[in-house]
Amino acid sequence: MIIWENCRGLIYQVQKIMDILIFVLALSILVLVHELGHFLAAKITGVRVEEFGLGLPPRIVGKKKWGTVWSLNWLPIGGFCKLFGEDINEKGATIKKDSFISKNPWQKMLIVLGGVVMNLVLAVIIFAVVYTILGVPKETDRVKIIGVAKDSPAEVAGLKEGDWIKSINGVEVKKGAELTAQVEKNKGNEIELIIDKEGQGIALSVQIREKAPEGEGLMGVVISNTEMEKIKWYQFYKGIGAGFKEAYFWGKIIGGGVYKMIAELMVGQVPKDVSGPLGMYEATSSIRMNQGFMAMVHFFGVVSVNLAIVNVLPFPALDGGRIIFVLYELLFKKKANKKFEALVNNLGMMVLLGLILLVTIGDVRRIFIK
């Protein structure tokens, strides 16, 4: 018994180490793809890339090839793309044709947006691969249970993931909204569900809550109107189409969430449900354990969309903040004061680092201080 407990503990530790490695690798790939977008756009517009780094400094090793130093760095998260002429103090940058500062506003815009575009492209690719392997979502006229909360009324009644709900108190339900409306109508009461369980119709009684706990519904289920339709290998274009739809869907969700967060900050409210790197790691580990590897891959597609949207925000130090200065140059036909731009970006970076620290502290309190 003691040996078995020791083995379980060892397996758990190995899984945690694997989760950390997977998280660091996946996040590094997302950031590197972002920087690759800047790199490719710079090459297209004729800007010299001085260094393309894997990881963050200090440098372990570097080798110069094709005019660029390719470096491996000690901090194993993300990477960077250093362009000639980004720094106002670089000698001769203002007069040399291969510098960032010498390019016209449209070329600068292309370089700045290159990372955002690449993150969106990566998200579409991730979603397309997942749906090509697992199948393309197809809307049905049935409501399927895809998750059951622990100790919820649904779990107590015997509802399982994969069950299809046919009716509530004799009322047929075909859409998620119809199910939600019937449950809301009967909160605090016992209802009778007719469930299609592996082709058999089964009646179950469920006691609906008066009030739902945070993060759960009155019945404690996650529902969906879609099922996965398997496709042939030569129908990969359906997976690509589903990938674009999924990226657009998450773009709207995340964009709305960011707008709500900014609105709350403007009125002095501390946004809820905001996670930093630690929270993302916890989500990665939980999804891998509870939903499987492909669900975890899908999650990083969502993170890639999130990186694209956050980076395009008009905030100093982000790509969106740099776009503001490019637009100024485009509208007023003159370059912004470089010292002022550098000061604003440095202050913005300090604010961002401070926000990340605060969010991380919140993650630590939420995870470890119950």
Protein backbone atom coordinates (compact mmCIF):
# COMPACT_ATOMS: atom_id res chain seq x y z
CA MET A 1 0.00 0.00 0.00
CA ILE A 2 2.82 2.39 0.91
CA ILE A 3 4.62 1.55 -2.34
CA TRP A 4 1.45 2.24 -4.32
CA GLU A 5 0.96 5.59 -2.59
CA ASN A 6 4.59 6.50 -3.33
CA CYS A 7 4.11 5.54 -6.99
CA ARG A 8 0.96 7.66 -7.21
CA GLY A 9 2.83 10.59 -5.72
CA LEU A 10 5.70 10.13 -8.18
CA ILE A 11 3.30 9.89 -11.14
CA TYR A 12 1.56 13.07 -9.97
CA GLN A 13 4.88 14.95 -9.74
CA VAL A 14 5.95 13.74 -13.20
CA GLN A 15 2.61 14.90 -14.63
CA LYS A 16 3.05 18.32 -13.06
CA ILE A 17 6.56 18.64 -14.49
CA MET A 18 5.20 17.63 -17.90
CA ASP A 19 2.43 20.22 -17.59
CA ILE A 20 5.01 22.92 -16.83
CA LEU A 21 7.16 21.90 -19.80
CA ILE A 22 4.14 21.77 -22.13
CA PHE A 23 2.95 25.18 -20.92
CA VAL A 24 6.36 26.84 -21.32
CA LEU A 25 6.87 25.27 -24.75
CA ALA A 26 3.39 26.21 -25.99
CA LEU A 27 3.61 29.78 -24.71
CA SER A 28 7.08 30.15 -26.23
CA ILE A 29 5.76 28.97 -29.60
CA LEU A 30 2.89 31.48 -29.45
CA VAL A 31 5.24 34.37 -28.68
CA LEU A 32 7.84 33.21 -31.25
CA VAL A 33 5.15 33.05 -33.94
CA HIS A 34 4.19 36.62 -33.00
CA GLU A 35 7.81 37.76 -33.35
CA LEU A 36 8.13 35.78 -36.60
CA GLY A 37 5.32 37.95 -37.97
CA HIS A 38 7.37 41.08 -37.23
CA PHE A 39 10.44 39.39 -38.75
CA LEU A 40 8.74 38.45 -42.03
CA ALA A 41 7.10 41.88 -42.39
CA ALA A 42 10.48 43.54 -41.75
CA LYS A 43 12.12 41.42 -44.44
CA ILE A 44 9.33 42.23 -46.92
CA THR A 45 9.74 45.97 -46.32
CA GLY A 46 13.55 45.89 -46.40
CA VAL A 47 14.24 46.49 -42.71
CA ARG A 48 17.34 44.86 -41.23
CA VAL A 49 16.63 42.42 -38.42
CA GLU A 50 19.60 42.66 -36.08
CA GLU A 51 18.66 39.75 -33.82
CA PHE A 52 16.00 37.07 -33.61
CA GLY A 53 16.09 35.42 -30.22
CA LEU A 54 14.66 32.21 -28.83
CA GLY A 55 13.95 32.93 -25.17
CA LEU A 56 14.78 36.19 -23.44
CA PRO A 57 18.26 37.55 -22.53
CA PRO A 58 20.83 37.02 -21.15
CA ARG A 59 22.18 35.23 -24.19
CA ILE A 60 23.55 31.69 -24.08
CA VAL A 61 24.83 31.56 -27.64
CA GLY A 62 24.33 33.45 -30.89
CA LYS A 63 25.38 33.08 -34.51
CA LYS A 64 25.13 35.66 -37.29
CA LYS A 65 23.74 34.48 -40.61
CA TRP A 66 21.96 36.32 -43.46
CA GLY A 67 22.63 39.60 -41.64
CA THR A 68 20.79 38.55 -38.47
CA VAL A 69 22.09 37.21 -35.15
CA TRP A 70 20.15 34.05 -34.27
CA SER A 71 20.38 33.65 -30.50
CA LEU A 72 19.43 31.21 -27.77
CA ASN A 73 18.76 32.89 -24.42
CA TRP A 74 18.50 31.83 -20.80
CA LEU A 75 14.89 32.76 -19.97
CA PRO A 76 12.86 30.01 -21.69
CA ILE A 77 9.69 31.98 -22.44
CA GLY A 78 8.93 33.51 -25.82
CA GLY A 79 11.42 35.36 -27.93
CA PHE A 80 12.11 38.71 -29.55
CA CYS A 81 12.85 40.38 -32.88
CA LYS A 82 15.23 43.38 -32.73
CA LEU A 83 14.91 45.69 -35.73
CA PHE A 84 17.56 48.15 -36.82
CA GLY A 85 16.34 51.71 -36.25
CA GLU A 86 13.80 51.01 -33.50
CA ASP A 87 16.14 52.63 -30.98
CA ILE A 88 16.48 56.38 -31.60
CA ASN A 89 20.08 56.28 -30.34
CA GLU A 90 21.26 53.86 -33.04
CA LYS A 91 23.95 55.57 -35.06
CA GLY A 92 22.94 56.44 -38.63
CA ALA A 93 19.50 54.83 -38.33
CA THR A 94 17.66 57.93 -39.55
CA ILE A 95 19.50 58.02 -42.88
CA LYS A 96 19.97 54.34 -43.69
CA LYS A 97 17.38 52.72 -45.96
CA ASP A 98 17.33 49.43 -44.05
CA SER A 99 16.26 51.04 -40.75
CA PHE A 100 12.76 50.90 -39.28
CA ILE A 101 12.68 54.66 -38.68
CA SER A 102 13.37 55.42 -42.37
CA LYS A 103 10.31 53.56 -43.67
CA ASN A 104 7.02 55.18 -44.64
CA PRO A 105 3.97 54.84 -42.32
CA TRP A 106 2.33 52.05 -44.32
CA GLN A 107 5.50 49.93 -44.17
CA LYS A 108 5.79 50.55 -40.42
CA MET A 109 2.14 49.60 -40.01
CA LEU A 110 2.76 46.31 -41.82
CA ILE A 111 5.72 45.52 -39.56
CA VAL A 112 3.86 46.41 -36.36
CA LEU A 113 0.76 44.39 -37.34
CA GLY A 114 2.81 41.41 -38.53
CA GLY A 115 2.80 39.78 -35.08
CA VAL A 116 -0.95 40.18 -34.60
CA VAL A 117 -1.68 38.70 -38.02
CA MET A 118 0.59 35.72 -37.37
CA ASN A 119 -1.12 34.97 -34.04
CA LEU A 120 -4.50 34.95 -35.81
CA VAL A 121 -3.13 32.71 -38.56
CA LEU A 122 -1.72 30.32 -35.94
CA ALA A 123 -5.08 30.22 -34.14
CA VAL A 124 -6.88 29.32 -37.38
CA ILE A 125 -4.30 26.57 -38.06
CA ILE A 126 -4.66 25.15 -34.54
CA PHE A 127 -8.47 25.12 -34.73
CA ALA A 128 -8.38 23.65 -38.25
CA VAL A 129 -6.07 20.81 -37.16
CA VAL A 130 -8.19 20.02 -34.10
CA TYR A 131 -11.43 19.94 -36.09
CA THR A 132 -9.90 17.98 -38.95
CA ILE A 133 -8.83 15.30 -36.46
CA LEU A 134 -11.85 15.29 -34.13
CA GLY A 135 -14.54 16.28 -36.62
CA VAL A 136 -16.32 19.48 -37.63
CA PRO A 137 -18.99 20.91 -35.28
CA LYS A 138 -22.48 20.38 -36.68
CA GLU A 139 -25.56 22.04 -35.20
CA THR A 140 -28.39 19.67 -34.25
CA ASP A 141 -31.94 20.00 -32.95
CA ARG A 142 -31.01 18.25 -29.70
CA VAL A 143 -29.40 19.43 -26.46
CA LYS A 144 -26.37 17.45 -25.33
CA ILE A 145 -24.77 17.46 -21.88
CA ILE A 146 -21.03 18.03 -22.31
CA GLY A 147 -20.18 18.62 -18.65
CA VAL A 148 -21.62 17.89 -15.20
CA ALA A 149 -20.51 19.85 -12.10
CA LYS A 150 -19.42 17.88 -9.06
CA ASP A 151 -22.11 17.53 -6.34
CA SER A 152 -24.61 19.39 -8.53
CA PRO A 153 -28.32 18.42 -8.81
CA ALA A 154 -27.52 16.93 -12.22
CA GLU A 155 -24.81 14.66 -10.79
CA VAL A 156 -27.03 13.62 -7.86
CA ALA A 157 -29.81 12.70 -10.34
CA GLY A 158 -27.43 10.55 -12.39
CA LEU A 159 -26.94 12.74 -15.47
CA LYS A 160 -23.73 12.00 -17.35
CA GLU A 161 -21.62 13.70 -19.97
CA GLY A 162 -22.87 12.58 -23.41
CA ASP A 163 -26.55 12.32 -22.43
CA TRP A 164 -29.09 14.05 -24.69
CA ILE A 165 -32.00 15.93 -23.06
CA LYS A 166 -35.27 15.35 -24.92
CA SER A 167 -37.85 17.07 -22.68
CA ILE A 168 -38.50 18.79 -19.34
CA ASN A 169 -41.84 18.12 -17.64
CA GLY A 170 -43.19 16.89 -20.96
CA VAL A 171 -42.03 19.99 -22.87
CA GLU A 172 -39.72 19.09 -25.76
CA VAL A 173 -36.44 21.04 -25.87
CA LYS A 174 -34.36 21.43 -29.04
CA LYS A 175 -32.19 24.43 -28.21
CA GLY A 176 -30.01 25.36 -25.28
CA ALA A 177 -32.04 28.54 -24.72
CA GLU A 178 -35.23 26.46 -24.40
CA LEU A 179 -33.61 24.26 -21.76
CA THR A 180 -32.32 27.28 -19.83
CA ALA A 181 -35.77 28.92 -19.92
CA GLN A 182 -37.50 25.79 -18.58
CA VAL A 183 -34.95 25.33 -15.80
CA GLU A 184 -35.27 29.00 -14.79
CA LYS A 185 -39.05 28.65 -14.79
CA ASN A 186 -38.84 25.70 -12.40
CA LYS A 187 -36.06 26.82 -10.04
CA GLY A 188 -36.54 25.48 -6.54
CA ASN A 189 -38.76 22.69 -7.83
CA GLU A 190 -38.27 19.10 -8.89
CA ILE A 191 -38.49 18.47 -12.63
CA GLU A 192 -38.70 15.35 -14.76
CA LEU A 193 -36.24 14.98 -17.60
CA ILE A 194 -36.47 12.51 -20.44
CA ILE A 195 -32.92 11.56 -21.38
CA ASP A 196 -31.65 9.79 -24.48
CA LYS A 197 -28.89 7.65 -23.01
CA GLU A 198 -27.16 5.52 -25.65
CA GLY A 199 -30.38 5.25 -27.65
CA GLN A 200 -32.65 4.52 -24.69
CA GLY A 201 -35.23 6.96 -23.31
CA ILE A 202 -34.87 7.26 -19.52
CA ALA A 203 -36.85 9.42 -17.08
CA LEU A 204 -34.91 11.18 -14.32
CA SER A 205 -36.02 13.54 -11.56
CA VAL A 206 -33.81 16.56 -10.84
CA GLN A 207 -34.17 19.00 -7.93
CA ILE A 208 -33.42 22.46 -9.36
CA ARG A 209 -31.58 24.93 -7.14
CA GLU A 210 -33.08 28.21 -5.95
CA LYS A 211 -29.78 29.98 -6.65
CA ALA A 212 -26.81 28.88 -8.75
CA PRO A 213 -23.29 28.86 -7.25
CA GLU A 214 -20.71 31.08 -8.96
CA GLY A 215 -19.59 29.55 -12.24
CA GLU A 216 -22.48 27.03 -12.40
CA GLY A 217 -26.06 26.94 -13.59
CA LEU A 218 -29.15 26.05 -11.58
CA MET A 219 -28.90 22.41 -12.65
CA GLY A 220 -25.10 22.18 -12.82
CA VAL A 221 -24.62 21.12 -16.45
CA VAL A 222 -22.76 22.41 -19.48
CA ILE A 223 -24.80 21.96 -22.64
CA SER A 224 -24.31 22.15 -26.38
CA ASN A 225 -26.39 21.98 -29.55
CA THR A 226 -23.53 20.65 -31.63
CA GLU A 227 -21.95 17.29 -32.27
CA MET A 228 -18.71 16.45 -34.03
CA GLU A 229 -19.08 15.20 -37.62
CA LYS A 230 -16.08 13.15 -38.75
CA ILE A 231 -14.62 14.16 -42.11
CA LYS A 232 -12.41 12.39 -44.65
CA TRP A 233 -8.79 13.46 -45.04
CA TYR A 234 -9.53 15.05 -48.43
CA GLN A 235 -12.24 17.21 -46.79
CA PHE A 236 -9.60 19.11 -44.80
CA TYR A 237 -11.03 22.35 -46.23
CA LYS A 238 -14.02 21.84 -43.92
CA GLY A 239 -11.63 21.84 -40.99
CA ILE A 240 -10.06 25.07 -42.27
CA GLY A 241 -13.49 26.66 -42.61
CA ALA A 242 -14.34 25.60 -39.06
CA GLY A 243 -11.00 27.05 -37.94
CA PHE A 244 -11.86 30.48 -39.35
CA LYS A 245 -15.31 30.37 -37.72
CA GLU A 246 -13.81 29.38 -34.38
CA ALA A 247 -11.20 32.16 -34.51
CA TYR A 248 -13.94 34.69 -35.29
CA PHE A 249 -16.11 33.33 -32.47
CA TRP A 250 -13.34 33.61 -29.89
CA GLY A 251 -12.31 36.99 -31.26
CA LYS A 252 -15.79 38.34 -30.46
CA ILE A 253 -15.83 36.73 -27.01
CA ILE A 254 -12.36 37.96 -26.05
CA GLY A 255 -12.90 41.39 -27.59
CA GLY A 256 -16.09 41.80 -25.57
CA GLY A 257 -14.29 40.66 -22.42
CA VAL A 258 -11.46 43.16 -22.95
CA TYR A 259 -13.96 45.97 -23.55
CA LYS A 260 -15.78 45.06 -20.31
CA MET A 261 -12.49 44.93 -18.40
CA ILE A 262 -11.44 48.38 -19.63
CA ALA A 263 -14.90 49.80 -18.82
CA GLU A 264 -14.63 48.44 -15.26
CA LEU A 265 -11.15 49.93 -14.84
CA MET A 266 -12.43 53.31 -16.04
CA VAL A 267 -14.97 53.42 -13.18
CA GLY A 268 -12.51 52.15 -10.58
CA GLN A 269 -13.67 48.52 -10.43
CA VAL A 270 -11.18 45.68 -10.19
CA PRO A 271 -11.89 43.25 -13.08
CA LYS A 272 -12.73 39.67 -12.12
CA ASP A 273 -11.78 36.45 -13.87
CA VAL A 274 -8.51 37.91 -15.19
CA SER A 275 -5.60 35.46 -15.16
CA GLY A 276 -1.88 35.82 -15.71
CA PRO A 277 0.75 33.19 -16.58
CA LEU A 278 0.08 31.20 -13.39
CA GLY A 279 -3.64 31.09 -14.06
CA MET A 280 -2.98 30.04 -17.66
CA TYR A 281 -0.74 27.21 -16.44
CA GLU A 282 -3.45 26.04 -14.05
CA ALA A 283 -6.02 26.08 -16.88
CA THR A 284 -3.63 24.16 -19.15
CA SER A 285 -3.07 21.46 -16.53
CA SER A 286 -6.78 21.18 -15.72
CA ILE A 287 -7.85 20.94 -19.38
CA ARG A 288 -5.22 18.28 -20.14
CA MET A 289 -6.27 16.13 -17.17
CA ASN A 290 -10.04 16.52 -17.56
CA GLN A 291 -10.59 16.94 -21.29
CA GLY A 292 -7.52 15.50 -22.99
CA PHE A 293 -4.61 16.57 -25.17
CA MET A 294 -6.61 17.90 -28.13
CA ALA A 295 -8.73 20.10 -25.86
CA MET A 296 -5.48 21.54 -24.48
CA VAL A 297 -4.25 22.24 -28.02
CA HIS A 298 -7.55 23.97 -28.75
CA PHE A 299 -7.07 26.07 -25.60
CA PHE A 300 -3.77 27.40 -26.95
CA GLY A 301 -5.59 28.39 -30.13
CA VAL A 302 -7.83 30.53 -27.92
CA VAL A 303 -4.75 31.95 -26.17
CA SER A 304 -3.28 32.86 -29.58
CA VAL A 305 -6.44 34.83 -30.44
CA ASN A 306 -6.19 36.47 -27.02
CA LEU A 307 -2.57 37.51 -27.67
CA ALA A 308 -3.56 39.05 -31.00
CA ILE A 309 -6.41 41.09 -29.51
CA VAL A 310 -4.49 42.24 -26.43
CA ASN A 311 -1.48 43.26 -28.54
CA VAL A 312 -3.59 45.43 -30.83
CA LEU A 313 -4.95 47.50 -27.92
CA PRO A 314 -3.87 51.17 -28.17
CA PHE A 315 -1.70 50.99 -25.06
CA PRO A 316 1.98 52.07 -24.86
CA ALA A 317 4.52 49.21 -25.22
CA LEU A 318 1.95 47.05 -27.06
CA ASP A 319 1.75 46.85 -30.85
CA GLY A 320 -1.44 48.93 -30.68
CA GLY A 321 0.44 51.69 -28.87
CA ARG A 322 3.06 51.78 -31.64
CA ILE A 323 0.26 51.96 -34.20
CA ILE A 324 -0.94 55.21 -32.58
CA PHE A 325 2.42 56.85 -33.36
CA VAL A 326 2.38 55.46 -36.90
CA LEU A 327 -1.12 56.90 -37.42
CA TYR A 328 0.12 60.26 -36.11
CA GLU A 329 2.87 60.20 -38.73
CA LEU A 330 0.38 59.20 -41.42
CA LEU A 331 -2.12 61.95 -40.57
CA PHE A 332 0.22 64.85 -39.84
CA LYS A 333 2.94 63.95 -42.37
CA LYS A 334 5.68 64.15 -39.78
CA LYS A 335 7.33 61.74 -37.39
CA ALA A 336 6.43 61.83 -33.71
CA ASN A 337 9.09 63.00 -31.28
CA LYS A 338 11.20 59.89 -30.78
CA LYS A 339 12.29 60.75 -27.26
CA PHE A 340 8.65 61.27 -26.27
CA GLU A 341 7.66 57.99 -27.96
CA ALA A 342 10.43 56.12 -26.13
CA LEU A 343 9.39 57.66 -22.80
CA VAL A 344 5.72 56.74 -23.33
CA ASN A 345 6.60 53.16 -24.31
CA ASN A 346 8.93 52.74 -21.32
CA LEU A 347 6.25 54.03 -18.94
CA GLY A 348 3.71 51.75 -20.62
CA MET A 349 6.01 48.76 -20.15
CA MET A 350 6.36 49.57 -16.44
CA VAL A 351 2.57 49.76 -16.09
CA LEU A 352 2.14 46.46 -17.95
CA LEU A 353 4.71 44.70 -15.76
CA GLY A 354 2.94 46.10 -12.70
CA LEU A 355 -0.43 44.81 -13.94
CA ILE A 356 1.05 41.37 -14.66
CA LEU A 357 2.49 41.32 -11.13
CA LEU A 358 -0.88 42.24 -9.60
CA VAL A 359 -2.71 39.62 -11.69
CA THR A 360 -0.12 37.00 -10.70
CA ILE A 361 -0.58 37.87 -7.02
CA GLY A 362 -4.32 37.43 -7.55
CA ASP A 363 -3.69 34.03 -9.16
CA VAL A 364 -1.53 32.96 -6.19
CA ARG A 365 -4.21 33.99 -3.70
CA ARG A 366 -6.95 32.28 -5.68
CA ILE A 367 -5.03 29.02 -6.18
CA PHE A 368 -3.16 28.63 -2.89
CA ILE A 369 -5.17 30.67 -0.38
CA LYS A 370 -8.64 29.18 -0.38
